């Protein structure tokens, strides 16, 4: 059986390679640098979520009721 190019097993293999690359970069950079990066990403995500929650949105205007014919 011939698999077509880009099948799921190939994609899964490349995802495993990508995860291994990230692990190698983390080991090379050191624990402190990885923790600083993760903390920065968490802070950025929290700030973005807080900004979206605090933004003022226009109140929903009551729409007039429609009468059935």
Foldseek 3Di string as FASTA:
>chain_A
DDDDPPDPVVVVVVVVVVVVVVVVVDVVVDDVVVVVVVVVVVVVVVVVVVVVVPDDDDDDDDDDDDDDD
